[in-house]
Amino acid sequence: WGELDSDTLTGDSGNDTLYGGMQNPLAVDASGRDLLLGNSGFDLLYGQEADDSLSGGEDGDTLYGGKDSDFIHGDGGDDLILGDNGNDTLCGDEGSDTILGITGELMLL
């Protein structure tokens, strides 16, 4: 769990849940099937290996899926959502979002 101000959260191998606190959290996933949750502030969520679920907060976030098949939800704010290898599901929600897929099949919601 992150607290106020900027946080660096790292999940090692295995399945992790990382939750950024208030203000400007930074959440980073090392490997495994992980759930990354941003909150208020401008979050950078990076899912690397395995199938991850990323959800930004109410502000503009950068969400990068990494390898494998990911579910990425921008939530509020003007988000940058990047899918990579694998079959990703990308959802912008509120705000003016930029959604980019690299390779694999994409499902845009």
Protein backbone atom coordinates (compact mmCIF):
# COMPACT_ATOMS: atom_id res chain seq x y z
CA TRP A 1 0.00 0.00 0.00
CA GLY A 2 1.19 3.48 -0.85
CA GLU A 3 0.72 6.46 1.42
CA LEU A 4 0.63 10.22 0.78
CA ASP A 5 3.15 11.66 -1.71
CA SER A 6 5.17 9.62 -4.21
CA ASP A 7 5.51 5.87 -3.73
CA THR A 8 7.51 3.15 -5.44
CA LEU A 9 5.80 -0.22 -5.16
CA THR A 10 7.49 -3.32 -6.55
CA GLY A 11 5.97 -6.78 -6.80
CA ASP A 12 8.37 -9.69 -7.08
CA SER A 13 7.59 -13.00 -8.77
CA GLY A 14 4.18 -14.44 -8.05
CA ASN A 15 0.77 -12.76 -7.94
CA ASP A 16 0.67 -9.33 -6.31
CA THR A 17 -1.79 -6.53 -5.61
CA LEU A 18 -0.20 -3.07 -5.54
CA TYR A 19 -2.26 -0.04 -4.56
CA GLY A 20 -0.87 3.50 -4.85
CA GLY A 21 -1.88 5.98 -2.17
CA MET A 22 -2.84 9.63 -2.56
CA GLN A 23 -1.02 12.36 -4.55
CA ASN A 24 1.62 11.13 -7.05
CA PRO A 25 2.07 7.37 -6.62
CA LEU A 26 4.28 5.25 -8.85
CA ALA A 27 3.42 1.56 -9.01
CA VAL A 28 5.68 -0.94 -10.77
CA ASP A 29 5.01 -4.65 -11.32
CA ALA A 30 8.02 -6.96 -11.49
CA SER A 31 6.42 -10.19 -12.69
CA GLY A 32 3.48 -12.53 -12.15
CA ARG A 33 -0.25 -11.93 -12.55
CA ASP A 34 -0.78 -8.66 -10.78
CA LEU A 35 -3.42 -6.08 -9.97
CA LEU A 36 -2.15 -2.48 -10.06
CA LEU A 37 -4.48 0.22 -8.74
CA GLY A 38 -3.78 3.94 -8.94
CA ASN A 39 -5.60 6.52 -6.89
CA SER A 40 -5.64 10.31 -7.10
CA GLY A 41 -2.51 11.87 -8.58
CA PHE A 42 -0.80 11.15 -11.87
CA ASP A 43 0.09 7.45 -11.73
CA LEU A 44 2.52 5.41 -13.79
CA LEU A 45 1.43 1.77 -13.76
CA TYR A 46 3.61 -0.75 -15.60
CA GLY A 47 2.63 -4.41 -15.85
CA GLN A 48 5.58 -6.39 -17.16
CA GLU A 49 5.22 -10.16 -17.48
CA ALA A 50 2.07 -12.31 -17.25
CA ASP A 51 -1.58 -11.25 -17.50
CA ASP A 52 -2.07 -8.08 -15.46
CA SER A 53 -5.00 -5.82 -14.55
CA LEU A 54 -4.23 -2.11 -14.32
CA SER A 55 -6.64 0.62 -13.26
CA GLY A 56 -5.74 4.31 -13.06
CA GLY A 57 -7.29 6.82 -10.72
CA GLU A 58 -9.21 10.04 -11.14
CA ASP A 59 -6.33 12.02 -12.71
CA GLY A 60 -4.37 11.58 -15.94
CA ASP A 61 -2.36 8.36 -15.73
CA THR A 62 0.09 6.42 -17.88
CA LEU A 63 -0.82 2.73 -18.02
CA TYR A 64 1.45 0.26 -19.85
CA GLY A 65 0.45 -3.39 -20.11
CA GLY A 66 3.77 -5.00 -20.97
CA LYS A 67 3.94 -8.61 -22.14
CA ASP A 68 1.06 -11.08 -22.34
CA SER A 69 -2.68 -10.35 -22.23
CA ASP A 70 -3.70 -7.46 -19.98
CA PHE A 71 -6.85 -5.62 -18.91
CA ILE A 72 -6.20 -1.86 -18.69
CA HIS A 73 -8.78 0.65 -17.44
CA GLY A 74 -7.95 4.36 -17.46
CA ASP A 75 -10.77 5.61 -15.21
CA GLY A 76 -10.97 9.43 -14.90
CA GLY A 77 -8.59 12.02 -16.33
CA ASP A 78 -6.73 12.22 -19.63
CA ASP A 79 -4.88 8.90 -19.70
CA LEU A 80 -2.21 7.37 -21.93
CA ILE A 81 -3.02 3.66 -22.29
CA LEU A 82 -0.49 1.39 -23.99
CA GLY A 83 -1.09 -2.26 -24.83
CA ASP A 84 1.87 -4.42 -25.84
CA ASN A 85 2.25 -8.08 -26.83
CA GLY A 86 -0.69 -10.33 -26.14
CA ASN A 87 -4.43 -9.91 -26.48
CA ASP A 88 -5.20 -6.79 -24.45
CA THR A 89 -8.49 -5.23 -23.37
CA LEU A 90 -8.17 -1.43 -23.21
CA CYS A 91 -10.80 0.87 -21.69
CA GLY A 92 -10.42 4.64 -21.52
CA ASP A 93 -13.49 5.82 -19.55
CA GLU A 94 -13.78 9.53 -18.61
CA GLY A 95 -11.48 12.20 -20.05
CA SER A 96 -9.65 12.53 -23.37
CA ASP A 97 -7.60 9.34 -23.48
CA THR A 98 -4.92 8.20 -25.91
CA ILE A 99 -5.04 4.44 -26.52
CA LEU A 100 -2.30 2.62 -28.43
CA GLY A 101 -1.87 -1.09 -29.13
CA ILE A 102 1.48 -2.51 -30.24
CA THR A 103 0.90 -6.15 -31.31
CA GLY A 104 -1.65 -8.88 -30.64
CA GLU A 105 -5.42 -8.60 -30.69
CA LEU A 106 -7.01 -5.59 -29.01
CA MET A 107 -10.46 -5.17 -27.56
CA LEU A 108 -11.34 -1.52 -27.03
CA LEU A 109 -14.15 -0.72 -24.60
